[in-house]
Protein backbone atom coordinates (compact mmCIF):
# COMPACT_ATOMS: atom_id res chain seq x y z
CA UNK A 1 0.00 0.00 0.00
CA UNK A 2 1.29 3.44 -0.97
CA UNK A 3 0.34 6.83 0.44
CA UNK A 4 0.83 9.88 -1.74
CA UNK A 5 0.81 13.46 -0.52
CA UNK A 6 0.62 16.42 -2.89
CA UNK A 7 1.21 19.97 -1.72
CA UNK A 8 -0.09 22.62 -4.14
CA UNK A 9 0.53 26.36 -3.87
CA UNK A 10 -2.30 28.41 -5.37
CA UNK A 11 -2.77 32.03 -6.41
CA UNK A 12 -6.33 33.41 -6.40
CA UNK A 13 -6.23 36.80 -8.14
CA UNK A 14 -9.98 37.43 -7.82
CA UNK A 15 -10.01 37.11 -4.03
CA UNK A 16 -10.37 40.57 -2.50
CA UNK A 17 -10.83 39.34 1.07
CA UNK A 18 -10.41 36.22 3.17
CA UNK A 19 -14.12 35.57 2.67
CA UNK A 20 -13.64 35.56 -1.12
CA UNK A 21 -10.67 33.24 -0.79
CA UNK A 22 -12.65 30.80 1.37
CA UNK A 23 -15.45 30.76 -1.19
CA UNK A 24 -13.06 29.89 -4.03
CA UNK A 25 -11.22 27.28 -1.97
CA UNK A 26 -14.29 25.60 -0.50
CA UNK A 27 -15.71 25.07 -3.97
CA UNK A 28 -12.42 23.69 -5.28
CA UNK A 29 -11.89 21.41 -2.29
CA UNK A 30 -15.41 20.03 -2.57
CA UNK A 31 -14.98 19.31 -6.30
CA UNK A 32 -11.61 17.59 -5.73
CA UNK A 33 -13.06 15.40 -2.99
CA UNK A 34 -16.08 14.43 -5.08
CA UNK A 35 -14.31 13.89 -8.41
CA UNK A 36 -11.12 12.20 -7.21
CA UNK A 37 -12.06 10.61 -3.85
CA UNK A 38 -9.13 12.16 -1.95
CA UNK A 39 -8.62 14.03 1.29
CA UNK A 40 -7.97 17.76 0.82
CA UNK A 41 -7.27 20.53 3.33
CA UNK A 42 -5.85 24.05 3.29
CA UNK A 43 -2.51 23.82 5.10
CA UNK A 44 -0.81 27.22 4.81
CA UNK A 45 -1.29 30.94 4.04
CA UNK A 46 -4.60 30.90 5.87
CA UNK A 47 -4.31 34.64 6.56
CA UNK A 48 -3.35 35.68 3.00
CA UNK A 49 -6.11 36.88 0.68
CA UNK A 50 -4.81 35.64 -2.64
CA UNK A 51 -2.54 32.75 -1.71
CA UNK A 52 -3.17 29.27 -0.39
CA UNK A 53 -1.45 25.94 -0.03
CA UNK A 54 -3.60 22.84 -0.08
CA UNK A 55 -2.55 19.33 0.87
CA UNK A 56 -4.03 16.30 -0.86
CA UNK A 57 -3.67 12.72 0.38
CA UNK A 58 -4.30 9.64 -1.75
CA UNK A 59 -3.94 5.92 -0.94
CA UNK A 60 -3.60 3.13 -3.49
CA UNK A 61 -1.83 -0.18 -3.96
CA UNK A 62 0.35 1.18 -6.78
CA UNK A 63 2.44 4.31 -6.98
CA UNK A 64 1.66 4.66 -10.69
CA UNK A 65 -2.06 5.07 -9.93
CA UNK A 66 -1.35 7.76 -7.34
CA UNK A 67 0.94 9.63 -9.76
CA UNK A 68 -1.73 9.53 -12.48
CA UNK A 69 -4.39 10.70 -10.02
CA UNK A 70 -2.24 13.66 -8.89
CA UNK A 71 -1.49 14.59 -12.52
CA UNK A 72 -5.22 14.61 -13.29
CA UNK A 73 -5.91 16.79 -10.23
CA UNK A 74 -3.19 19.31 -11.10
CA UNK A 75 -4.52 19.53 -14.67
CA UNK A 76 -8.06 19.92 -13.29
CA UNK A 77 -6.98 22.79 -11.00
CA UNK A 78 -4.97 24.40 -13.82
CA UNK A 79 -8.13 24.61 -15.91
CA UNK A 80 -9.92 26.63 -13.20
CA UNK A 81 -10.27 30.18 -14.49
CA UNK A 82 -10.15 31.83 -11.03
CA UNK A 83 -7.28 29.84 -9.51
CA UNK A 84 -3.67 29.47 -10.69
CA UNK A 85 -1.22 26.72 -9.71
CA UNK A 86 2.04 28.36 -8.64
CA UNK A 87 3.96 25.26 -7.57
CA UNK A 88 3.42 21.70 -6.38
CA UNK A 89 5.34 18.81 -4.88
CA UNK A 90 4.53 15.12 -4.49
CA UNK A 91 5.83 12.70 -1.86
CA UNK A 92 5.26 8.95 -1.53
CA UNK A 93 5.34 6.91 1.63
C-alpha atoms as a PDB file:
ATOM      1  CA  UNK A   1       0.000   0.000   0.000  1.00  0.00           C
ATOM      2  CA  UNK A   2       1.292   3.440  -0.974  1.00  0.00           C
ATOM      3  CA  UNK A   3       0.344   6.826   0.435  1.00  0.00           C
ATOM      4  CA  UNK A   4       0.826   9.876  -1.742  1.00  0.00           C
ATOM      5  CA  UNK A   5       0.808  13.460  -0.522  1.00  0.00           C
ATOM      6  CA  UNK A   6       0.621  16.417  -2.887  1.00  0.00           C
ATOM      7  CA  UNK A   7       1.212  19.973  -1.724  1.00  0.00           C
ATOM      8  CA  UNK A   8      -0.090  22.620  -4.145  1.00  0.00           C
ATOM      9  CA  UNK A   9       0.528  26.359  -3.872  1.00  0.00           C
ATOM     10  CA  UNK A  10      -2.296  28.411  -5.371  1.00  0.00           C
ATOM     11  CA  UNK A  11      -2.773  32.028  -6.408  1.00  0.00           C
ATOM     12  CA  UNK A  12      -6.331  33.405  -6.403  1.00  0.00           C
ATOM     13  CA  UNK A  13      -6.235  36.795  -8.144  1.00  0.00           C
ATOM     14  CA  UNK A  14      -9.983  37.429  -7.820  1.00  0.00           C
ATOM     15  CA  UNK A  15     -10.012  37.106  -4.035  1.00  0.00           C
ATOM     16  CA  UNK A  16     -10.374  40.569  -2.505  1.00  0.00           C
ATOM     17  CA  UNK A  17     -10.830  39.336   1.067  1.00  0.00           C
ATOM     18  CA  UNK A  18     -10.409  36.219   3.170  1.00  0.00           C
ATOM     19  CA  UNK A  19     -14.117  35.567   2.668  1.00  0.00           C
ATOM     20  CA  UNK A  20     -13.641  35.557  -1.118  1.00  0.00           C
ATOM     21  CA  UNK A  21     -10.673  33.242  -0.792  1.00  0.00           C
ATOM     22  CA  UNK A  22     -12.650  30.801   1.365  1.00  0.00           C
ATOM     23  CA  UNK A  23     -15.451  30.763  -1.189  1.00  0.00           C
ATOM     24  CA  UNK A  24     -13.061  29.885  -4.029  1.00  0.00           C
ATOM     25  CA  UNK A  25     -11.216  27.282  -1.971  1.00  0.00           C
ATOM     26  CA  UNK A  26     -14.287  25.598  -0.496  1.00  0.00           C
ATOM     27  CA  UNK A  27     -15.707  25.067  -3.967  1.00  0.00           C
ATOM     28  CA  UNK A  28     -12.419  23.688  -5.283  1.00  0.00           C
ATOM     29  CA  UNK A  29     -11.892  21.407  -2.288  1.00  0.00           C
ATOM     30  CA  UNK A  30     -15.412  20.027  -2.572  1.00  0.00           C
ATOM     31  CA  UNK A  31     -14.978  19.308  -6.299  1.00  0.00           C
ATOM     32  CA  UNK A  32     -11.613  17.594  -5.730  1.00  0.00           C
ATOM     33  CA  UNK A  33     -13.062  15.402  -2.986  1.00  0.00           C
ATOM     34  CA  UNK A  34     -16.080  14.427  -5.079  1.00  0.00           C
ATOM     35  CA  UNK A  35     -14.306  13.894  -8.409  1.00  0.00           C
ATOM     36  CA  UNK A  36     -11.117  12.196  -7.211  1.00  0.00           C
ATOM     37  CA  UNK A  37     -12.062  10.609  -3.852  1.00  0.00           C
ATOM     38  CA  UNK A  38      -9.131  12.162  -1.954  1.00  0.00           C
ATOM     39  CA  UNK A  39      -8.623  14.033   1.292  1.00  0.00           C
ATOM     40  CA  UNK A  40      -7.974  17.765   0.820  1.00  0.00           C
ATOM     41  CA  UNK A  41      -7.266  20.533   3.328  1.00  0.00           C
ATOM     42  CA  UNK A  42      -5.845  24.052   3.295  1.00  0.00           C
ATOM     43  CA  UNK A  43      -2.514  23.822   5.099  1.00  0.00           C
ATOM     44  CA  UNK A  44      -0.811  27.218   4.810  1.00  0.00           C
ATOM     45  CA  UNK A  45      -1.286  30.939   4.037  1.00  0.00           C
ATOM     46  CA  UNK A  46      -4.599  30.898   5.874  1.00  0.00           C
ATOM     47  CA  UNK A  47      -4.310  34.642   6.560  1.00  0.00           C
ATOM     48  CA  UNK A  48      -3.345  35.684   3.001  1.00  0.00           C
ATOM     49  CA  UNK A  49      -6.113  36.881   0.677  1.00  0.00           C
ATOM     50  CA  UNK A  50      -4.808  35.643  -2.642  1.00  0.00           C
ATOM     51  CA  UNK A  51      -2.535  32.749  -1.711  1.00  0.00           C
ATOM     52  CA  UNK A  52      -3.173  29.273  -0.386  1.00  0.00           C
ATOM     53  CA  UNK A  53      -1.454  25.943  -0.033  1.00  0.00           C
ATOM     54  CA  UNK A  54      -3.603  22.843  -0.083  1.00  0.00           C
ATOM     55  CA  UNK A  55      -2.554  19.332   0.867  1.00  0.00           C
ATOM     56  CA  UNK A  56      -4.032  16.304  -0.863  1.00  0.00           C
ATOM     57  CA  UNK A  57      -3.670  12.718   0.378  1.00  0.00           C
ATOM     58  CA  UNK A  58      -4.303   9.640  -1.749  1.00  0.00           C
ATOM     59  CA  UNK A  59      -3.940   5.919  -0.944  1.00  0.00           C
ATOM     60  CA  UNK A  60      -3.603   3.125  -3.489  1.00  0.00           C
ATOM     61  CA  UNK A  61      -1.827  -0.175  -3.964  1.00  0.00           C
ATOM     62  CA  UNK A  62       0.354   1.179  -6.780  1.00  0.00           C
ATOM     63  CA  UNK A  63       2.442   4.310  -6.979  1.00  0.00           C
ATOM     64  CA  UNK A  64       1.664   4.656 -10.686  1.00  0.00           C
ATOM     65  CA  UNK A  65      -2.062   5.072  -9.933  1.00  0.00           C
ATOM     66  CA  UNK A  66      -1.345   7.756  -7.344  1.00  0.00           C
ATOM     67  CA  UNK A  67       0.939   9.626  -9.762  1.00  0.00           C
ATOM     68  CA  UNK A  68      -1.728   9.530 -12.476  1.00  0.00           C
ATOM     69  CA  UNK A  69      -4.390  10.704 -10.017  1.00  0.00           C
ATOM     70  CA  UNK A  70      -2.243  13.658  -8.887  1.00  0.00           C
ATOM     71  CA  UNK A  71      -1.493  14.591 -12.520  1.00  0.00           C
ATOM     72  CA  UNK A  72      -5.216  14.613 -13.286  1.00  0.00           C
ATOM     73  CA  UNK A  73      -5.906  16.790 -10.230  1.00  0.00           C
ATOM     74  CA  UNK A  74      -3.192  19.307 -11.098  1.00  0.00           C
ATOM     75  CA  UNK A  75      -4.521  19.534 -14.668  1.00  0.00           C
ATOM     76  CA  UNK A  76      -8.055  19.919 -13.285  1.00  0.00           C
ATOM     77  CA  UNK A  77      -6.985  22.786 -11.000  1.00  0.00           C
ATOM     78  CA  UNK A  78      -4.966  24.399 -13.817  1.00  0.00           C
ATOM     79  CA  UNK A  79      -8.134  24.613 -15.911  1.00  0.00           C
ATOM     80  CA  UNK A  80      -9.915  26.630 -13.200  1.00  0.00           C
ATOM     81  CA  UNK A  81     -10.269  30.180 -14.487  1.00  0.00           C
ATOM     82  CA  UNK A  82     -10.146  31.833 -11.035  1.00  0.00           C
ATOM     83  CA  UNK A  83      -7.279  29.839  -9.514  1.00  0.00           C
ATOM     84  CA  UNK A  84      -3.671  29.467 -10.686  1.00  0.00           C
ATOM     85  CA  UNK A  85      -1.222  26.724  -9.707  1.00  0.00           C
ATOM     86  CA  UNK A  86       2.042  28.361  -8.636  1.00  0.00           C
ATOM     87  CA  UNK A  87       3.964  25.261  -7.569  1.00  0.00           C
ATOM     88  CA  UNK A  88       3.417  21.705  -6.378  1.00  0.00           C
ATOM     89  CA  UNK A  89       5.342  18.807  -4.875  1.00  0.00           C
ATOM     90  CA  UNK A  90       4.534  15.119  -4.486  1.00  0.00           C
ATOM     91  CA  UNK A  91       5.834  12.698  -1.855  1.00  0.00           C
ATOM     92  CA  UNK A  92       5.257   8.954  -1.533  1.00  0.00           C
ATOM     93  CA  UNK A  93       5.337   6.909   1.634  1.00  0.00           C
END
